[in-house]
PDB file of N, CA and C in Angstrom:
ATOM      1  N   MET A   1       1.206  -1.276   0.292  1.00  0.00           N
ATOM      2  CA  MET A   1       0.077  -0.033  -0.525  1.00  0.00           C
ATOM      3  C   MET A   1       0.853   0.857   0.346  1.00  0.00           C
ATOM      4  N   PRO A   2       0.681   2.388  -0.719  1.00  0.00           N
ATOM      5  CA  PRO A   2       1.313   3.034  -1.091  1.00  0.00           C
ATOM      6  C   PRO A   2       1.307   4.124  -0.267  1.00  0.00           C
ATOM      7  N   GLU A   3       2.298   4.077   1.094  1.00  0.00           N
ATOM      8  CA  GLU A   3       2.353   5.513   1.972  1.00  0.00           C
ATOM      9  C   GLU A   3       0.853   7.023   1.801  1.00  0.00           C
ATOM     10  N   ALA A   4       0.990   7.842   2.745  1.00  0.00           N
ATOM     11  CA  ALA A   4      -0.290   8.906   2.388  1.00  0.00           C
ATOM     12  C   ALA A   4       1.063   9.860   2.211  1.00  0.00           C
ATOM     13  N   PHE A   5      -0.111  10.777   1.636  1.00  0.00           N
ATOM     14  CA  PHE A   5       1.127  11.911   1.401  1.00  0.00           C
ATOM     15  C   PHE A   5       1.162  12.747   2.219  1.00  0.00           C
ATOM     16  N   ILE A   6       1.513  13.392   3.433  1.00  0.00           N
ATOM     17  CA  ILE A   6       2.057  14.823   4.392  1.00  0.00           C
ATOM     18  C   ILE A   6       1.970  16.192   3.855  1.00  0.00           C
ATOM     19  N   PRO A   7       1.301  16.626   3.695  1.00  0.00           N
ATOM     20  CA  PRO A   7       1.676  17.517   3.486  1.00  0.00           C
ATOM     21  C   PRO A   7       2.961  18.351   4.192  1.00  0.00           C
ATOM     22  N   THR A   8       3.580  19.085   2.525  1.00  0.00           N
ATOM     23  CA  THR A   8       5.055  19.829   2.958  1.00  0.00           C
ATOM     24  C   THR A   8       5.423  20.773   3.371  1.00  0.00           C
ATOM     25  N   LEU A   9       5.103  21.781   4.536  1.00  0.00           N
ATOM     26  CA  LEU A   9       4.739  23.740   5.085  1.00  0.00           C
ATOM     27  C   LEU A   9       6.094  23.624   4.569  1.00  0.00           C
ATOM     28  N   TYR A  10       6.830  24.920   3.700  1.00  0.00           N
ATOM     29  CA  TYR A  10       8.069  25.580   3.409  1.00  0.00           C
ATOM     30  C   TYR A  10       8.117  27.568   3.757  1.00  0.00           C
ATOM     31  N   LEU A  11       8.979  27.817   5.488  1.00  0.00           N
ATOM     32  CA  LEU A  11       8.477  27.857   6.021  1.00  0.00           C
ATOM     33  C   LEU A  11      10.165  29.156   5.980  1.00  0.00           C
ATOM     34  N   ASN A  12      10.163  30.154   5.568  1.00  0.00           N
ATOM     35  CA  ASN A  12      11.015  31.181   5.917  1.00  0.00           C
ATOM     36  C   ASN A  12      11.313  31.357   7.813  1.00  0.00           C
ATOM     37  N   HIS A  13      12.266  31.585   7.943  1.00  0.00           N
ATOM     38  CA  HIS A  13      12.427  31.347   9.970  1.00  0.00           C
ATOM     39  C   HIS A  13      11.634  32.865   9.734  1.00  0.00           C
ATOM     40  N   ARG A  14      12.130  33.862   9.243  1.00  0.00           N
ATOM     41  CA  ARG A  14      11.679  35.070  10.050  1.00  0.00           C
ATOM     42  C   ARG A  14      10.882  35.681   9.321  1.00  0.00           C
ATOM     43  N   CYS A  15      10.050  34.562   8.906  1.00  0.00           N
ATOM     44  CA  CYS A  15       8.775  35.744   8.311  1.00  0.00           C
ATOM     45  C   CYS A  15       7.190  36.092   9.521  1.00  0.00           C
ATOM     46  N   PRO A  16       6.419  36.760   9.543  1.00  0.00           N
ATOM     47  CA  PRO A  16       5.380  37.059  10.124  1.00  0.00           C
ATOM     48  C   PRO A  16       4.105  36.318   9.130  1.00  0.00           C
ATOM     49  N   PHE A  17       4.517  36.038   8.049  1.00  0.00           N
ATOM     50  CA  PHE A  17       2.997  35.482   7.614  1.00  0.00           C
ATOM     51  C   PHE A  17       3.633  33.589   8.148  1.00  0.00           C
ATOM     52  N   CYS A  18       4.425  33.801   7.889  1.00  0.00           N
ATOM     53  CA  CYS A  18       5.016  31.685   8.626  1.00  0.00           C
ATOM     54  C   CYS A  18       4.291  31.571   9.740  1.00  0.00           C
ATOM     55  N   LEU A  19       5.013  32.629  11.010  1.00  0.00           N
ATOM     56  CA  LEU A  19       4.793  32.639  12.112  1.00  0.00           C
ATOM     57  C   LEU A  19       3.093  32.556  12.694  1.00  0.00           C
ATOM     58  N   LYS A  20       2.310  33.472  11.540  1.00  0.00           N
ATOM     59  CA  LYS A  20       1.195  32.919  11.912  1.00  0.00           C
ATOM     60  C   LYS A  20       0.526  31.965  11.218  1.00  0.00           C
ATOM     61  N   LEU A  21       1.101  30.899  10.213  1.00  0.00           N
ATOM     62  CA  LEU A  21       0.663  29.384   9.823  1.00  0.00           C
ATOM     63  C   LEU A  21       1.049  28.503  11.294  1.00  0.00           C
ATOM     64  N   MET A  22       2.311  28.909  11.305  1.00  0.00           N
ATOM     65  CA  MET A  22       2.568  27.400  13.193  1.00  0.00           C
ATOM     66  C   MET A  22       2.062  28.308  13.755  1.00  0.00           C
ATOM     67  N   ILE A  23       1.166  29.150  14.323  1.00  0.00           N
ATOM     68  CA  ILE A  23       0.766  29.071  15.345  1.00  0.00           C
ATOM     69  C   ILE A  23      -1.067  28.580  15.463  1.00  0.00           C
ATOM     70  N   TYR A  24      -1.596  28.673  13.639  1.00  0.00           N
ATOM     71  CA  TYR A  24      -2.339  27.755  13.532  1.00  0.00           C
ATOM     72  C   TYR A  24      -2.200  26.525  13.905  1.00  0.00           C
ATOM     73  N   ILE A  25      -1.108  25.774  13.504  1.00  0.00           N
ATOM     74  CA  ILE A  25      -1.029  24.927  13.296  1.00  0.00           C
ATOM     75  C   ILE A  25      -0.523  24.031  14.342  1.00  0.00           C
ATOM     76  N   ALA A  26      -0.149  24.877  15.008  1.00  0.00           N
ATOM     77  CA  ALA A  26       0.149  24.076  16.976  1.00  0.00           C
ATOM     78  C   ALA A  26      -1.136  23.945  17.928  1.00  0.00           C
ATOM     79  N   GLN A  27      -1.839  25.429  17.049  1.00  0.00           N
ATOM     80  CA  GLN A  27      -3.167  25.748  18.075  1.00  0.00           C
ATOM     81  C   GLN A  27      -3.798  24.473  17.821  1.00  0.00           C
ATOM     82  N   ALA A  28      -4.221  23.771  16.943  1.00  0.00           N
ATOM     83  CA  ALA A  28      -4.741  23.072  16.106  1.00  0.00           C
ATOM     84  C   ALA A  28      -4.197  20.922  15.796  1.00  0.00           C
ATOM     85  N   GLY A  29      -3.600  21.352  16.397  1.00  0.00           N
ATOM     86  CA  GLY A  29      -2.345  20.046  17.092  1.00  0.00           C
ATOM     87  C   GLY A  29      -2.250  19.038  15.538  1.00  0.00           C
ATOM     88  N   LEU A  30      -1.867  20.001  14.875  1.00  0.00           N
ATOM     89  CA  LEU A  30      -1.515  19.542  13.052  1.00  0.00           C
ATOM     90  C   LEU A  30      -0.087  19.099  12.952  1.00  0.00           C
ATOM     91  N   TRP A  31       0.521  18.977  14.542  1.00  0.00           N
ATOM     92  CA  TRP A  31       1.965  18.886  14.139  1.00  0.00           C
ATOM     93  C   TRP A  31       2.302  17.626  13.198  1.00  0.00           C
ATOM     94  N   ASP A  32       2.109  16.544  13.295  1.00  0.00           N
ATOM     95  CA  ASP A  32       2.177  15.548  13.151  1.00  0.00           C
ATOM     96  C   ASP A  32       1.141  15.004  11.991  1.00  0.00           C
ATOM     97  N   THR A  33      -0.057  15.896  11.559  1.00  0.00           N
ATOM     98  CA  THR A  33      -0.135  16.423   9.752  1.00  0.00           C
ATOM     99  C   THR A  33       0.953  16.451   8.725  1.00  0.00           C
ATOM    100  N   VAL A  34       2.073  17.431   8.909  1.00  0.00           N
ATOM    101  CA  VAL A  34       2.731  18.180   7.866  1.00  0.00           C
ATOM    102  C   VAL A  34       3.825  17.961   8.179  1.00  0.00           C
ATOM    103  N   ARG A  35       4.714  17.902   7.264  1.00  0.00           N
ATOM    104  CA  ARG A  35       6.725  18.040   7.164  1.00  0.00           C
ATOM    105  C   ARG A  35       6.753  19.680   7.197  1.00  0.00           C
ATOM    106  N   LEU A  36       7.899  20.142   8.112  1.00  0.00           N
ATOM    107  CA  LEU A  36       8.910  21.346   7.970  1.00  0.00           C
ATOM    108  C   LEU A  36       9.239  21.403   7.956  1.00  0.00           C
ATOM    109  N   ARG A  37       9.983  22.655   6.098  1.00  0.00           N
ATOM    110  CA  ARG A  37      11.002  23.349   5.764  1.00  0.00           C
ATOM    111  C   ARG A  37      11.359  24.762   5.995  1.00  0.00           C
ATOM    112  N   ILE A  38      12.168  24.227   6.636  1.00  0.00           N
ATOM    113  CA  ILE A  38      12.814  25.946   7.946  1.00  0.00           C
ATOM    114  C   ILE A  38      13.478  26.576   7.186  1.00  0.00           C
ATOM    115  N   PHE A  39      13.500  27.567   6.382  1.00  0.00           N
ATOM    116  CA  PHE A  39      14.547  27.875   5.839  1.00  0.00           C
ATOM    117  C   PHE A  39      14.877  29.395   6.817  1.00  0.00           C
ATOM    118  N   GLU A  40      16.315  29.835   6.567  1.00  0.00           N
ATOM    119  CA  GLU A  40      17.409  30.823   6.894  1.00  0.00           C
ATOM    120  C   GLU A  40      16.962  32.393   5.632  1.00  0.00           C
ATOM    121  N   PRO A  41      16.658  33.333   5.715  1.00  0.00           N
ATOM    122  CA  PRO A  41      16.746  34.342   4.632  1.00  0.00           C
ATOM    123  C   PRO A  41      17.768  34.508   4.243  1.00  0.00           C
ATOM    124  N   GLY A  42      17.974  34.683   2.730  1.00  0.00           N
ATOM    125  CA  GLY A  42      19.384  34.514   2.297  1.00  0.00           C
ATOM    126  C   GLY A  42      20.294  33.749   1.614  1.00  0.00           C
ATOM    127  N   SER A  43      19.676  32.538   2.205  1.00  0.00           N
ATOM    128  CA  SER A  43      21.370  31.718   3.157  1.00  0.00           C
ATOM    129  C   SER A  43      20.367  30.500   1.105  1.00  0.00           C
ATOM    130  N   ALA A  44      21.725  29.517   1.255  1.00  0.00           N
ATOM    131  CA  ALA A  44      21.699  28.917  -0.155  1.00  0.00           C
ATOM    132  C   ALA A  44      20.337  27.933   0.160  1.00  0.00           C
ATOM    133  N   GLU A  45      19.426  28.093   1.302  1.00  0.00           N
ATOM    134  CA  GLU A  45      18.184  26.452   1.320  1.00  0.00           C
ATOM    135  C   GLU A  45      17.440  27.408   0.987  1.00  0.00           C
ATOM    136  N   HIS A  46      17.250  28.811   0.885  1.00  0.00           N
ATOM    137  CA  HIS A  46      16.527  29.525   0.538  1.00  0.00           C
ATOM    138  C   HIS A  46      16.423  29.483  -0.254  1.00  0.00           C
ATOM    139  N   GLU A  47      17.611  29.904  -1.148  1.00  0.00           N
ATOM    140  CA  GLU A  47      17.778  29.826  -2.991  1.00  0.00           C
ATOM    141  C   GLU A  47      17.149  29.022  -3.641  1.00  0.00           C
ATOM    142  N   ALA A  48      17.388  27.828  -3.352  1.00  0.00           N
ATOM    143  CA  ALA A  48      17.238  26.341  -3.568  1.00  0.00           C
ATOM    144  C   ALA A  48      15.660  25.757  -3.537  1.00  0.00           C
ATOM    145  N   THR A  49      15.223  26.972  -2.706  1.00  0.00           N
ATOM    146  CA  THR A  49      13.510  26.584  -2.032  1.00  0.00           C
ATOM    147  C   THR A  49      12.917  27.070  -3.487  1.00  0.00           C
ATOM    148  N   LYS A  50      13.505  28.443  -2.989  1.00  0.00           N
ATOM    149  CA  LYS A  50      12.700  29.535  -3.938  1.00  0.00           C
ATOM    150  C   LYS A  50      12.646  28.737  -5.581  1.00  0.00           C
ATOM    151  N   ALA A  51      13.949  28.010  -5.776  1.00  0.00           N
ATOM    152  CA  ALA A  51      14.204  27.913  -7.661  1.00  0.00           C
ATOM    153  C   ALA A  51      13.266  26.543  -7.414  1.00  0.00           C
ATOM    154  N   GLU A  52      13.173  25.928  -6.571  1.00  0.00           N
ATOM    155  CA  GLU A  52      12.206  24.425  -6.590  1.00  0.00           C
ATOM    156  C   GLU A  52      10.367  24.986  -6.497  1.00  0.00           C
ATOM    157  N   LEU A  53      10.084  25.467  -6.314  1.00  0.00           N
ATOM    158  CA  LEU A  53       9.087  26.292  -6.358  1.00  0.00           C
ATOM    159  C   LEU A  53       7.969  27.994  -7.138  1.00  0.00           C
ATOM    160  N   ALA A  54       9.271  27.910  -7.777  1.00  0.00           N
ATOM    161  CA  ALA A  54       8.992  28.825  -8.665  1.00  0.00           C
ATOM    162  C   ALA A  54       8.725  28.074 -10.041  1.00  0.00           C
ATOM    163  N   PRO A  55       8.163  26.984 -10.635  1.00  0.00           N
ATOM    164  CA  PRO A  55       7.413  26.310 -11.455  1.00  0.00           C
ATOM    165  C   PRO A  55       6.036  26.549 -11.087  1.00  0.00           C
ATOM    166  N   TYR A  56       5.749  27.110  -9.588  1.00  0.00           N
ATOM    167  CA  TYR A  56       4.628  26.653  -9.418  1.00  0.00           C
ATOM    168  C   TYR A  56       3.466  27.708  -9.368  1.00  0.00           C
ATOM    169  N   PHE A  57       4.218  28.715  -9.228  1.00  0.00           N
ATOM    170  CA  PHE A  57       4.171  30.651  -8.725  1.00  0.00           C
ATOM    171  C   PHE A  57       4.684  31.595 -10.241  1.00  0.00           C
ATOM    172  N   SER A  58       3.599  31.979 -10.172  1.00  0.00           N
ATOM    173  CA  SER A  58       4.710  33.083 -10.881  1.00  0.00           C
ATOM    174  C   SER A  58       5.110  34.483  -9.436  1.00  0.00           C
ATOM    175  N   LYS A  59       5.288  34.149  -8.681  1.00  0.00           N
ATOM    176  CA  LYS A  59       6.003  34.974  -8.098  1.00  0.00           C
ATOM    177  C   LYS A  59       5.856  34.211  -6.172  1.00  0.00           C
ATOM    178  N   VAL A  60       7.241  33.655  -6.173  1.00  0.00           N
ATOM    179  CA  VAL A  60       6.896  32.505  -4.883  1.00  0.00           C
ATOM    180  C   VAL A  60       7.422  33.764  -3.887  1.00  0.00           C
ATOM    181  N   SER A  61       6.149  33.272  -2.701  1.00  0.00           N
ATOM    182  CA  SER A  61       5.889  33.254  -1.984  1.00  0.00           C
ATOM    183  C   SER A  61       5.905  32.437  -0.255  1.00  0.00           C
ATOM    184  N   PHE A  62       6.152  32.418   0.925  1.00  0.00           N
ATOM    185  CA  PHE A  62       6.759  31.521   2.006  1.00  0.00           C
ATOM    186  C   PHE A  62       5.105  32.625   3.041  1.00  0.00           C
ATOM    187  N   PRO A  63       4.776  31.412   3.839  1.00  0.00           N
ATOM    188  CA  PRO A  63       4.540  30.526   3.399  1.00  0.00           C
ATOM    189  C   PRO A  63       3.697  29.777   2.024  1.00  0.00           C
ATOM    190  N   THR A  64       4.739  28.503   2.114  1.00  0.00           N
ATOM    191  CA  THR A  64       4.044  27.959   0.794  1.00  0.00           C
ATOM    192  C   THR A  64       3.474  26.374   1.405  1.00  0.00           C
ATOM    193  N   ALA A  65       2.609  25.911   0.550  1.00  0.00           N
ATOM    194  CA  ALA A  65       2.138  25.039   1.430  1.00  0.00           C
ATOM    195  C   ALA A  65       2.022  23.367  -0.029  1.00  0.00           C
ATOM    196  N   GLU A  66       2.735  22.590   0.251  1.00  0.00           N
ATOM    197  CA  GLU A  66       2.101  21.334  -0.919  1.00  0.00           C
ATOM    198  C   GLU A  66       1.322  20.180  -0.517  1.00  0.00           C
ATOM    199  N   VAL A  67       0.388  20.781  -0.506  1.00  0.00           N
ATOM    200  CA  VAL A  67      -0.877  19.798  -0.174  1.00  0.00           C
ATOM    201  C   VAL A  67      -1.250  18.305  -1.035  1.00  0.00           C
ATOM    202  N   ALA A  68      -0.870  18.455  -1.617  1.00  0.00           N
ATOM    203  CA  ALA A  68      -0.963  16.869  -2.259  1.00  0.00           C
ATOM    204  C   ALA A  68      -0.130  17.074  -3.761  1.00  0.00           C
ATOM    205  N   PRO A  69      -0.241  15.946  -3.957  1.00  0.00           N
ATOM    206  CA  PRO A  69       1.719  15.822  -4.858  1.00  0.00           C
ATOM    207  C   PRO A  69       1.305  16.701  -6.460  1.00  0.00           C
ATOM    208  N   GLY A  70       2.711  17.805  -6.202  1.00  0.00           N
ATOM    209  CA  GLY A  70       2.401  19.016  -6.919  1.00  0.00           C
ATOM    210  C   GLY A  70       1.929  19.680  -7.567  1.00  0.00           C
ATOM    211  N   ASP A  71       0.514  19.704  -5.922  1.00  0.00           N
ATOM    212  CA  ASP A  71      -0.102  21.006  -5.464  1.00  0.00           C
ATOM    213  C   ASP A  71      -0.209  21.673  -5.003  1.00  0.00           C
ATOM    214  N   PHE A  72       0.777  23.013  -5.125  1.00  0.00           N
ATOM    215  CA  PHE A  72       1.275  23.934  -3.936  1.00  0.00           C
ATOM    216  C   PHE A  72       0.554  25.594  -4.067  1.00  0.00           C
ATOM    217  N   ARG A  73       0.271  26.105  -3.214  1.00  0.00           N
ATOM    218  CA  ARG A  73      -0.444  26.811  -2.084  1.00  0.00           C
ATOM    219  C   ARG A  73       0.069  27.556  -1.128  1.00  0.00           C
ATOM    220  N   ASN A  74       0.207  29.181  -1.894  1.00  0.00           N
ATOM    221  CA  ASN A  74       0.259  30.151  -0.773  1.00  0.00           C
ATOM    222  C   ASN A  74      -0.896  31.162  -0.567  1.00  0.00           C
ATOM    223  N   GLU A  75      -0.172  31.707   0.560  1.00  0.00           N
ATOM    224  CA  GLU A  75      -1.390  32.801   0.716  1.00  0.00           C
ATOM    225  C   GLU A  75      -1.745  32.800   2.871  1.00  0.00           C
ATOM    226  N   THR A  76      -0.586  33.393   3.540  1.00  0.00           N
ATOM    227  CA  THR A  76      -1.023  32.431   4.530  1.00  0.00           C
ATOM    228  C   THR A  76      -2.659  31.941   5.202  1.00  0.00           C
ATOM    229  N   ASP A  77      -3.822  33.178   4.995  1.00  0.00           N
ATOM    230  CA  ASP A  77      -4.857  32.955   4.716  1.00  0.00           C
ATOM    231  C   ASP A  77      -5.291  31.812   4.693  1.00  0.00           C
ATOM    232  N   ALA A  78      -5.227  31.839   2.695  1.00  0.00           N
ATOM    233  CA  ALA A  78      -6.025  30.441   2.213  1.00  0.00           C
ATOM    234  C   ALA A  78      -5.708  29.700   3.019  1.00  0.00           C
ATOM    235  N   LEU A  79      -4.186  29.223   3.528  1.00  0.00           N
ATOM    236  CA  LEU A  79      -3.341  27.681   4.301  1.00  0.00           C
ATOM    237  C   LEU A  79      -4.409  27.350   5.269  1.00  0.00           C
ATOM    238  N   ILE A  80      -4.875  28.847   5.913  1.00  0.00           N
ATOM    239  CA  ILE A  80      -5.140  28.456   7.638  1.00  0.00           C
ATOM    240  C   ILE A  80      -6.607  27.712   7.081  1.00  0.00           C
ATOM    241  N   ALA A  81      -7.356  28.514   5.812  1.00  0.00           N
ATOM    242  CA  ALA A  81      -8.630  27.732   5.452  1.00  0.00           C
ATOM    243  C   ALA A  81      -8.724  26.542   4.722  1.00  0.00           C
ATOM    244  N   TYR A  82      -7.095  26.353   3.965  1.00  0.00           N
ATOM    245  CA  TYR A  82      -7.600  24.488   3.742  1.00  0.00           C
ATOM    246  C   TYR A  82      -7.335  23.955   5.068  1.00  0.00           C
ATOM    247  N   PHE A  83      -6.673  23.649   5.566  1.00  0.00           N
ATOM    248  CA  PHE A  83      -6.202  23.521   6.899  1.00  0.00           C
ATOM    249  C   PHE A  83      -7.888  22.942   8.011  1.00  0.00           C
ATOM    250  N   GLU A  84      -7.763  24.290   8.049  1.00  0.00           N
ATOM    251  CA  GLU A  84      -9.460  24.471   8.764  1.00  0.00           C
ATOM    252  C   GLU A  84     -10.563  23.272   7.902  1.00  0.00           C
ATOM    253  N   SER A  85     -10.111  23.184   6.801  1.00  0.00           N
ATOM    254  CA  SER A  85     -11.457  22.370   6.421  1.00  0.00           C
ATOM    255  C   SER A  85     -11.107  20.906   6.472  1.00  0.00           C
ATOM    256  N   ARG A  86      -9.922  20.320   6.149  1.00  0.00           N
ATOM    257  CA  ARG A  86      -9.863  19.404   6.546  1.00  0.00           C
ATOM    258  C   ARG A  86      -9.446  18.936   7.978  1.00  0.00           C
ATOM    259  N   SER A  87      -9.305  19.973   8.975  1.00  0.00           N
ATOM    260  CA  SER A  87      -9.391  18.913  10.731  1.00  0.00           C
ATOM    261  C   SER A  87      -9.989  19.528  11.146  1.00  0.00           C
ATOM    262  N   GLY A  88     -11.309  20.753  10.668  1.00  0.00           N
ATOM    263  CA  GLY A  88     -12.695  21.169  11.246  1.00  0.00           C
ATOM    264  C   GLY A  88     -12.130  21.799  12.680  1.00  0.00           C
ATOM    265  N   LYS A  89     -10.830  22.655  12.470  1.00  0.00           N
ATOM    266  CA  LYS A  89     -10.041  23.078  13.741  1.00  0.00           C
ATOM    267  C   LYS A  89     -10.815  24.745  13.424  1.00  0.00           C
ATOM    268  N   LYS A  90     -11.228  25.081  13.946  1.00  0.00           N
ATOM    269  CA  LYS A  90     -11.768  26.899  13.067  1.00  0.00           C
ATOM    270  C   LYS A  90     -10.376  27.813  13.501  1.00  0.00           C
ATOM    271  N   ALA A  91     -10.278  28.694  13.007  1.00  0.00           N
ATOM    272  CA  ALA A  91      -8.637  29.306  14.076  1.00  0.00           C
ATOM    273  C   ALA A  91     -10.088  30.892  14.866  1.00  0.00           C
ATOM    274  N   THR A  92     -11.328  29.991  13.681  1.00  0.00           N
ATOM    275  CA  THR A  92     -11.389  31.518  15.257  1.00  0.00           C
ATOM    276  C   THR A  92     -11.979  30.950  16.551  1.00  0.00           C
ATOM    277  N   ASP A  93     -11.293  30.360  17.006  1.00  0.00           N
ATOM    278  CA  ASP A  93     -11.046  29.131  18.678  1.00  0.00           C
ATOM    279  C   ASP A  93     -10.219  29.402  19.048  1.00  0.00           C
ATOM    280  N   MET A  94      -8.875  30.011  18.482  1.00  0.00           N
ATOM    281  CA  MET A  94      -7.379  30.161  18.915  1.00  0.00           C
ATOM    282  C   MET A  94      -7.496  31.021  19.821  1.00  0.00           C
ATOM    283  N   PRO A  95      -7.717  31.274  20.864  1.00  0.00           N
ATOM    284  CA  PRO A  95      -6.889  32.618  21.806  1.00  0.00           C
ATOM    285  C   PRO A  95      -5.395  33.310  21.332  1.00  0.00           C
ATOM    286  N   LEU A  96      -4.399  32.533  21.184  1.00  0.00           N
ATOM    287  CA  LEU A  96      -3.416  32.329  20.746  1.00  0.00           C
ATOM    288  C   LEU A  96      -3.503  33.244  19.857  1.00  0.00           C
ATOM    289  N   LEU A  97      -3.582  32.471  18.545  1.00  0.00           N
ATOM    290  CA  LEU A  97      -4.121  32.466  17.597  1.00  0.00           C
ATOM    291  C   LEU A  97      -4.003  34.880  16.711  1.00  0.00           C
ATOM    292  N   ASP A  98      -5.599  34.602  17.592  1.00  0.00           N
ATOM    293  CA  ASP A  98      -5.810  35.885  18.134  1.00  0.00           C
ATOM    294  C   ASP A  98      -5.267  37.226  18.022  1.00  0.00           C
ATOM    295  N   TYR A  99      -4.548  36.350  19.115  1.00  0.00           N
ATOM    296  CA  TYR A  99      -3.954  37.109  19.991  1.00  0.00           C
ATOM    297  C   TYR A  99      -2.441  37.602  18.666  1.00  0.00           C
ATOM    298  N   TYR A 100      -1.692  37.370  18.207  1.00  0.00           N
ATOM    299  CA  TYR A 100      -0.443  37.359  17.606  1.00  0.00           C
ATOM    300  C   TYR A 100      -1.107  38.203  16.000  1.00  0.00           C
ATOM    301  N   ALA A 101      -2.525  37.767  15.989  1.00  0.00           N
ATOM    302  CA  ALA A 101      -2.538  38.476  14.236  1.00  0.00           C
ATOM    303  C   ALA A 101      -3.775  40.096  14.596  1.00  0.00           C
ATOM    304  N   THR A 102      -3.932  40.531  15.078  1.00  0.00           N
ATOM    305  CA  THR A 102      -4.179  41.489  16.309  1.00  0.00           C
ATOM    306  C   THR A 102      -3.754  42.032  17.119  1.00  0.00           C
ATOM    307  N   GLY A 103      -2.650  42.162  17.201  1.00  0.00           N
ATOM    308  CA  GLY A 103      -0.997  42.268  17.424  1.00  0.00           C
ATOM    309  C   GLY A 103      -0.297  42.335  17.504  1.00  0.00           C
ATOM    310  N   VAL A 104       0.818  41.358  17.109  1.00  0.00           N
ATOM    311  CA  VAL A 104       2.041  41.735  16.681  1.00  0.00           C
ATOM    312  C   VAL A 104       2.406  41.938  15.130  1.00  0.00           C
ATOM    313  N   PHE A 105       1.405  40.739  14.962  1.00  0.00           N
ATOM    314  CA  PHE A 105       1.214  40.346  13.077  1.00  0.00           C
ATOM    315  C   PHE A 105       0.828  42.347  12.785  1.00  0.00           C
ATOM    316  N   LYS A 106      -0.099  42.506  13.128  1.00  0.00           N
ATOM    317  CA  LYS A 106      -0.613  43.489  12.643  1.00  0.00           C
ATOM    318  C   LYS A 106       0.467  44.857  12.381  1.00  0.00           C
ATOM    319  N   GLN A 107       0.375  45.091  14.012  1.00  0.00           N
ATOM    320  CA  GLN A 107       1.895  46.450  13.713  1.00  0.00           C
ATOM    321  C   GLN A 107       3.353  45.669  12.502  1.00  0.00           C
ATOM    322  N   VAL A 108       4.037  44.603  12.696  1.00  0.00           N
ATOM    323  CA  VAL A 108       4.213  44.401  12.276  1.00  0.00           C
ATOM    324  C   VAL A 108       4.030  44.711  10.814  1.00  0.00           C
ATOM    325  N   THR A 109       2.686  44.074   9.452  1.00  0.00           N
ATOM    326  CA  THR A 109       2.021  43.770   8.503  1.00  0.00           C
ATOM    327  C   THR A 109       1.606  46.271   8.114  1.00  0.00           C
ATOM    328  N   GLU A 110       1.981  46.519   9.039  1.00  0.00           N
ATOM    329  CA  GLU A 110       1.314  48.220   8.765  1.00  0.00           C
ATOM    330  C   GLU A 110       2.870  49.054   9.009  1.00  0.00           C
ATOM    331  N   LEU A 111       3.896  48.361   9.809  1.00  0.00           N
ATOM    332  CA  LEU A 111       4.872  48.559   9.643  1.00  0.00           C
ATOM    333  C   LEU A 111       5.790  48.315   7.944  1.00  0.00           C
ATOM    334  N   PHE A 112       5.332  47.947   7.406  1.00  0.00           N
ATOM    335  CA  PHE A 112       5.927  46.813   6.499  1.00  0.00           C
ATOM    336  C   PHE A 112       5.712  47.733   5.506  1.00  0.00           C
ATOM    337  N   GLN A 113       4.163  47.861   5.525  1.00  0.00           N
ATOM    338  CA  GLN A 113       3.693  49.244   4.524  1.00  0.00           C
ATOM    339  C   GLN A 113       3.827  50.402   4.267  1.00  0.00           C
ATOM    340  N   GLU A 114       4.483  50.755   5.489  1.00  0.00           N
ATOM    341  CA  GLU A 114       4.473  51.986   5.732  1.00  0.00           C
ATOM    342  C   GLU A 114       5.793  52.202   5.107  1.00  0.00           C
ATOM    343  N   ASN A 115       6.888  51.324   5.517  1.00  0.00           N
ATOM    344  CA  ASN A 115       7.798  50.708   4.621  1.00  0.00           C
ATOM    345  C   ASN A 115       8.785  51.460   3.030  1.00  0.00           C
ATOM    346  N   MET A 116       7.170  50.281   2.830  1.00  0.00           N
ATOM    347  CA  MET A 116       6.983  50.133   1.174  1.00  0.00           C
ATOM    348  C   MET A 116       6.796  51.427   0.536  1.00  0.00           C
ATOM    349  N   ARG A 117       5.573  52.461   1.849  1.00  0.00           N
ATOM    350  CA  ARG A 117       5.617  53.679   1.289  1.00  0.00           C
ATOM    351  C   ARG A 117       6.376  54.214   1.672  1.00  0.00           C
ATOM    352  N   LEU A 118       7.075  54.634   2.281  1.00  0.00           N
ATOM    353  CA  LEU A 118       8.674  55.966   1.706  1.00  0.00           C
ATOM    354  C   LEU A 118       9.655  55.034   1.332  1.00  0.00           C
ATOM    355  N   LYS A 119       9.994  53.910   0.095  1.00  0.00           N
ATOM    356  CA  LYS A 119      10.831  53.553  -0.021  1.00  0.00           C
ATOM    357  C   LYS A 119       9.828  54.382  -0.946  1.00  0.00           C
ATOM    358  N   GLY A 120       8.839  53.472  -1.857  1.00  0.00           N
ATOM    359  CA  GLY A 120       8.121  54.172  -3.525  1.00  0.00           C
ATOM    360  C   GLY A 120       8.195  55.586  -3.409  1.00  0.00           C
ATOM    361  N   GLY A 121       8.015  56.854  -2.242  1.00  0.00           N
ATOM    362  CA  GLY A 121       7.975  57.953  -2.299  1.00  0.00           C
ATOM    363  C   GLY A 121      10.083  58.662  -2.571  1.00  0.00           C
ATOM    364  N   ALA A 122      11.336  57.725  -1.946  1.00  0.00           N
ATOM    365  CA  ALA A 122      12.277  58.289  -2.226  1.00  0.00           C
ATOM    366  C   ALA A 122      12.970  57.849  -3.724  1.00  0.00           C
ATOM    367  N   GLY A 123      12.585  56.904  -4.340  1.00  0.00           N
ATOM    368  CA  GLY A 123      12.572  56.008  -5.732  1.00  0.00           C
ATOM    369  C   GLY A 123      12.914  55.278  -5.875  1.00  0.00           C
ATOM    370  N   GLY A 124      12.517  54.409  -4.683  1.00  0.00           N
ATOM    371  CA  GLY A 124      12.589  53.168  -4.916  1.00  0.00           C
ATOM    372  C   GLY A 124      13.231  52.474  -4.232  1.00  0.00           C
TER     373      GLY A 124
END
């Protein structure tokens, strides 16, 4: 009998979006249902991972997951929704995820957007 497919999560170790997905996976108790491939940004492994995923996306971003053989997906909230649908564990029932999403994550994404605006205004 063939071995059951286990989804693989591709995660940038310093990414707030990846952390959001990891918090969901942890609170949902899904550790044993996924494989993790974690890399440091700018590392050789990061570059190799981007090259490996490039055929599946117009722009590689993280987190990314291979949810079935050859079925690669990204976008944090879409991945959380995917795992919610498979596990029945709702993100809205997870206090740590809500704490992160409405606090630190919100602040980090606002700062990122402000930084992008400032870079754009300064000629890129």
